[in-house]
Amino acid sequence: MESGGTHSEGVLARAWRWLKNHIVVEVPAHSAVCEFDCRKQQCRFDEWATCERRLSHFAADVIPEKRGDDRP
């Protein structure tokens, strides 16, 4: 038979997990620079579309660095 403490800990753990899943979410990689490395609270779409910081970070992830040996 379970003790009262074990049952209440399970309820509290489930409640905490539910709350955490509704408050804390992962930031998609394409938005991480904007969310964590930018001082602006919100950008207009045209600012976001041409943002050099976001585009250079995205390009570094998508375009591999060139190697000097000309291998693919």
N, C-alpha and C. Protein backbone atom coordinates (compact mmCIF):
# COMPACT_ATOMS: atom_id res chain seq x y z
N MET A 1 0.85 -1.18 0.00
CA MET A 1 0.00 0.00 0.00
C MET A 1 0.89 1.24 0.00
N GLU A 2 0.53 2.25 -0.77
CA GLU A 2 1.32 3.48 -0.85
C GLU A 2 1.04 4.37 0.35
N SER A 3 2.10 5.07 0.76
CA SER A 3 1.90 6.04 1.84
C SER A 3 1.35 7.33 1.25
N GLY A 4 0.78 8.17 2.10
CA GLY A 4 0.22 9.43 1.63
C GLY A 4 1.26 10.33 0.99
N GLY A 5 2.51 10.31 1.49
CA GLY A 5 3.57 11.14 0.94
C GLY A 5 3.90 10.78 -0.50
N THR A 6 3.96 9.50 -0.79
CA THR A 6 4.28 9.05 -2.14
C THR A 6 3.21 9.49 -3.13
N HIS A 7 1.95 9.36 -2.74
CA HIS A 7 0.86 9.77 -3.61
C HIS A 7 0.90 11.26 -3.86
N SER A 8 1.09 12.07 -2.81
CA SER A 8 1.10 13.52 -2.99
C SER A 8 2.33 13.96 -3.79
N GLU A 9 3.45 13.26 -3.64
CA GLU A 9 4.62 13.60 -4.45
C GLU A 9 4.35 13.31 -5.92
N GLY A 10 3.65 12.25 -6.20
CA GLY A 10 3.30 11.94 -7.58
C GLY A 10 2.38 12.99 -8.17
N VAL A 11 1.42 13.43 -7.39
CA VAL A 11 0.49 14.47 -7.85
C VAL A 11 1.26 15.77 -8.08
N LEU A 12 2.12 16.13 -7.13
CA LEU A 12 2.91 17.35 -7.28
C LEU A 12 3.85 17.27 -8.48
N ALA A 13 4.47 16.13 -8.67
CA ALA A 13 5.37 15.95 -9.81
C ALA A 13 4.62 16.07 -11.12
N ARG A 14 3.44 15.45 -11.21
CA ARG A 14 2.63 15.55 -12.43
C ARG A 14 2.16 16.97 -12.64
N ALA A 15 1.76 17.66 -11.58
CA ALA A 15 1.30 19.05 -11.69
C ALA A 15 2.45 19.95 -12.16
N TRP A 16 3.65 19.74 -11.58
CA TRP A 16 4.81 20.53 -11.99
C TRP A 16 5.16 20.27 -13.45
N ARG A 17 5.14 19.01 -13.88
CA ARG A 17 5.44 18.66 -15.27
C ARG A 17 4.42 19.30 -16.21
N TRP A 18 3.15 19.26 -15.85
CA TRP A 18 2.11 19.87 -16.67
C TRP A 18 2.33 21.38 -16.78
N LEU A 19 2.60 22.02 -15.65
CA LEU A 19 2.82 23.46 -15.63
C LEU A 19 4.05 23.84 -16.46
N LYS A 20 5.13 23.10 -16.27
CA LYS A 20 6.37 23.37 -17.00
C LYS A 20 6.15 23.21 -18.50
N ASN A 21 5.42 22.19 -18.92
CA ASN A 21 5.16 21.96 -20.34
C ASN A 21 4.30 23.05 -20.96
N HIS A 22 3.53 23.77 -20.15
CA HIS A 22 2.69 24.83 -20.67
C HIS A 22 3.35 26.20 -20.60
N ILE A 23 4.42 26.32 -19.84
CA ILE A 23 5.11 27.61 -19.71
C ILE A 23 6.42 27.61 -20.47
N VAL A 24 7.19 26.57 -20.33
CA VAL A 24 8.52 26.49 -20.94
C VAL A 24 8.43 25.67 -22.20
N VAL A 25 8.81 26.27 -23.33
CA VAL A 25 8.83 25.55 -24.58
C VAL A 25 10.18 25.79 -25.26
N GLU A 26 10.57 24.86 -26.10
CA GLU A 26 11.82 25.03 -26.83
C GLU A 26 11.64 26.07 -27.92
N VAL A 27 12.67 26.88 -28.09
CA VAL A 27 12.66 27.89 -29.14
C VAL A 27 13.23 27.25 -30.40
N PRO A 28 12.53 27.34 -31.52
CA PRO A 28 13.06 26.78 -32.76
C PRO A 28 14.41 27.41 -33.10
N ALA A 29 15.31 26.64 -33.70
CA ALA A 29 16.66 27.11 -34.00
C ALA A 29 16.64 28.39 -34.84
N HIS A 30 15.71 28.49 -35.79
CA HIS A 30 15.68 29.67 -36.65
C HIS A 30 15.25 30.94 -35.91
N SER A 31 14.69 30.81 -34.72
CA SER A 31 14.27 31.96 -33.93
C SER A 31 15.17 32.23 -32.72
N ALA A 32 16.10 31.33 -32.44
CA ALA A 32 16.92 31.45 -31.24
C ALA A 32 17.74 32.73 -31.20
N VAL A 33 18.32 33.13 -32.32
CA VAL A 33 19.11 34.37 -32.35
C VAL A 33 18.23 35.55 -31.98
N CYS A 34 17.04 35.59 -32.52
CA CYS A 34 16.13 36.70 -32.22
C CYS A 34 15.69 36.67 -30.76
N GLU A 35 15.41 35.51 -30.25
CA GLU A 35 14.90 35.40 -28.88
C GLU A 35 15.95 35.71 -27.82
N PHE A 36 17.19 35.29 -28.06
CA PHE A 36 18.19 35.37 -27.00
C PHE A 36 19.31 36.38 -27.24
N ASP A 37 19.60 36.71 -28.49
CA ASP A 37 20.75 37.56 -28.79
C ASP A 37 20.40 38.95 -29.30
N CYS A 38 19.16 39.32 -29.26
CA CYS A 38 18.74 40.61 -29.79
C CYS A 38 18.14 41.45 -28.66
N ARG A 39 18.43 42.74 -28.68
CA ARG A 39 17.90 43.63 -27.65
C ARG A 39 16.48 44.12 -27.95
N LYS A 40 16.08 44.04 -29.21
CA LYS A 40 14.74 44.51 -29.57
C LYS A 40 13.68 43.54 -29.05
N GLN A 41 12.59 44.09 -28.57
CA GLN A 41 11.50 43.26 -28.07
C GLN A 41 10.70 42.65 -29.21
N GLN A 42 10.52 43.43 -30.28
CA GLN A 42 9.73 42.95 -31.41
C GLN A 42 10.16 43.70 -32.66
N CYS A 43 10.19 43.01 -33.79
CA CYS A 43 10.57 43.63 -35.06
C CYS A 43 9.37 43.63 -36.01
N ARG A 44 9.36 44.63 -36.87
CA ARG A 44 8.41 44.59 -37.98
C ARG A 44 8.89 43.51 -38.95
N PHE A 45 8.00 43.04 -39.80
CA PHE A 45 8.36 41.96 -40.71
C PHE A 45 9.52 42.36 -41.62
N ASP A 46 9.49 43.60 -42.13
CA ASP A 46 10.57 44.02 -43.03
C ASP A 46 11.91 44.10 -42.31
N GLU A 47 11.91 44.46 -41.02
CA GLU A 47 13.15 44.46 -40.24
C GLU A 47 13.65 43.03 -40.04
N TRP A 48 12.74 42.14 -39.72
CA TRP A 48 13.10 40.75 -39.49
C TRP A 48 13.62 40.11 -40.78
N ALA A 49 12.96 40.40 -41.91
CA ALA A 49 13.34 39.80 -43.18
C ALA A 49 14.74 40.21 -43.63
N THR A 50 15.18 41.40 -43.25
CA THR A 50 16.49 41.89 -43.68
C THR A 50 17.51 41.98 -42.55
N CYS A 51 17.22 41.39 -41.43
CA CYS A 51 18.11 41.46 -40.26
C CYS A 51 19.44 40.76 -40.54
N GLU A 52 20.53 41.54 -40.54
CA GLU A 52 21.85 40.98 -40.84
C GLU A 52 22.28 39.94 -39.81
N ARG A 53 21.99 40.18 -38.55
CA ARG A 53 22.39 39.24 -37.49
C ARG A 53 21.71 37.89 -37.71
N ARG A 54 20.41 37.90 -37.95
CA ARG A 54 19.67 36.66 -38.15
C ARG A 54 20.13 35.95 -39.42
N LEU A 55 20.28 36.71 -40.51
CA LEU A 55 20.67 36.11 -41.78
C LEU A 55 22.08 35.53 -41.74
N SER A 56 23.01 36.24 -41.10
CA SER A 56 24.38 35.71 -41.04
C SER A 56 24.45 34.47 -40.16
N HIS A 57 23.68 34.44 -39.08
CA HIS A 57 23.64 33.25 -38.23
C HIS A 57 23.02 32.08 -38.99
N PHE A 58 21.95 32.35 -39.72
CA PHE A 58 21.29 31.30 -40.50
C PHE A 58 22.22 30.80 -41.60
N ALA A 59 22.94 31.71 -42.27
CA ALA A 59 23.85 31.31 -43.35
C ALA A 59 24.98 30.44 -42.81
N ALA A 60 25.47 30.74 -41.62
CA ALA A 60 26.55 29.95 -41.02
C ALA A 60 26.07 28.52 -40.75
N ASP A 61 24.80 28.34 -40.42
CA ASP A 61 24.26 27.01 -40.17
C ASP A 61 24.00 26.24 -41.46
N VAL A 62 23.61 26.95 -42.51
CA VAL A 62 23.20 26.30 -43.75
C VAL A 62 24.37 26.08 -44.70
N ILE A 63 25.24 27.06 -44.83
CA ILE A 63 26.35 26.97 -45.77
C ILE A 63 27.59 26.49 -45.02
N PRO A 64 28.11 25.33 -45.36
CA PRO A 64 29.31 24.84 -44.67
C PRO A 64 30.51 25.72 -44.99
N GLU A 65 31.44 25.77 -44.04
CA GLU A 65 32.65 26.55 -44.26
C GLU A 65 33.47 25.93 -45.38
N LYS A 66 34.11 26.79 -46.16
CA LYS A 66 34.96 26.28 -47.26
C LYS A 66 36.25 25.74 -46.69
N ARG A 67 36.67 24.62 -47.26
CA ARG A 67 37.95 24.04 -46.88
C ARG A 67 38.96 24.37 -47.97
N GLY A 68 40.21 24.43 -47.62
CA GLY A 68 41.26 24.78 -48.56
C GLY A 68 41.63 23.66 -49.53
N ASP A 69 41.16 22.46 -49.31
CA ASP A 69 41.59 21.32 -50.13
C ASP A 69 40.63 21.01 -51.29
N ASP A 70 39.62 21.82 -51.51
CA ASP A 70 38.68 21.68 -52.64
C ASP A 70 37.93 20.36 -52.67
N ARG A 71 37.81 19.68 -51.53
CA ARG A 71 36.99 18.47 -51.48
C ARG A 71 35.54 18.86 -51.29
N PRO A 72 34.59 18.12 -51.84
CA PRO A 72 33.16 18.44 -51.67
C PRO A 72 32.71 18.23 -50.25
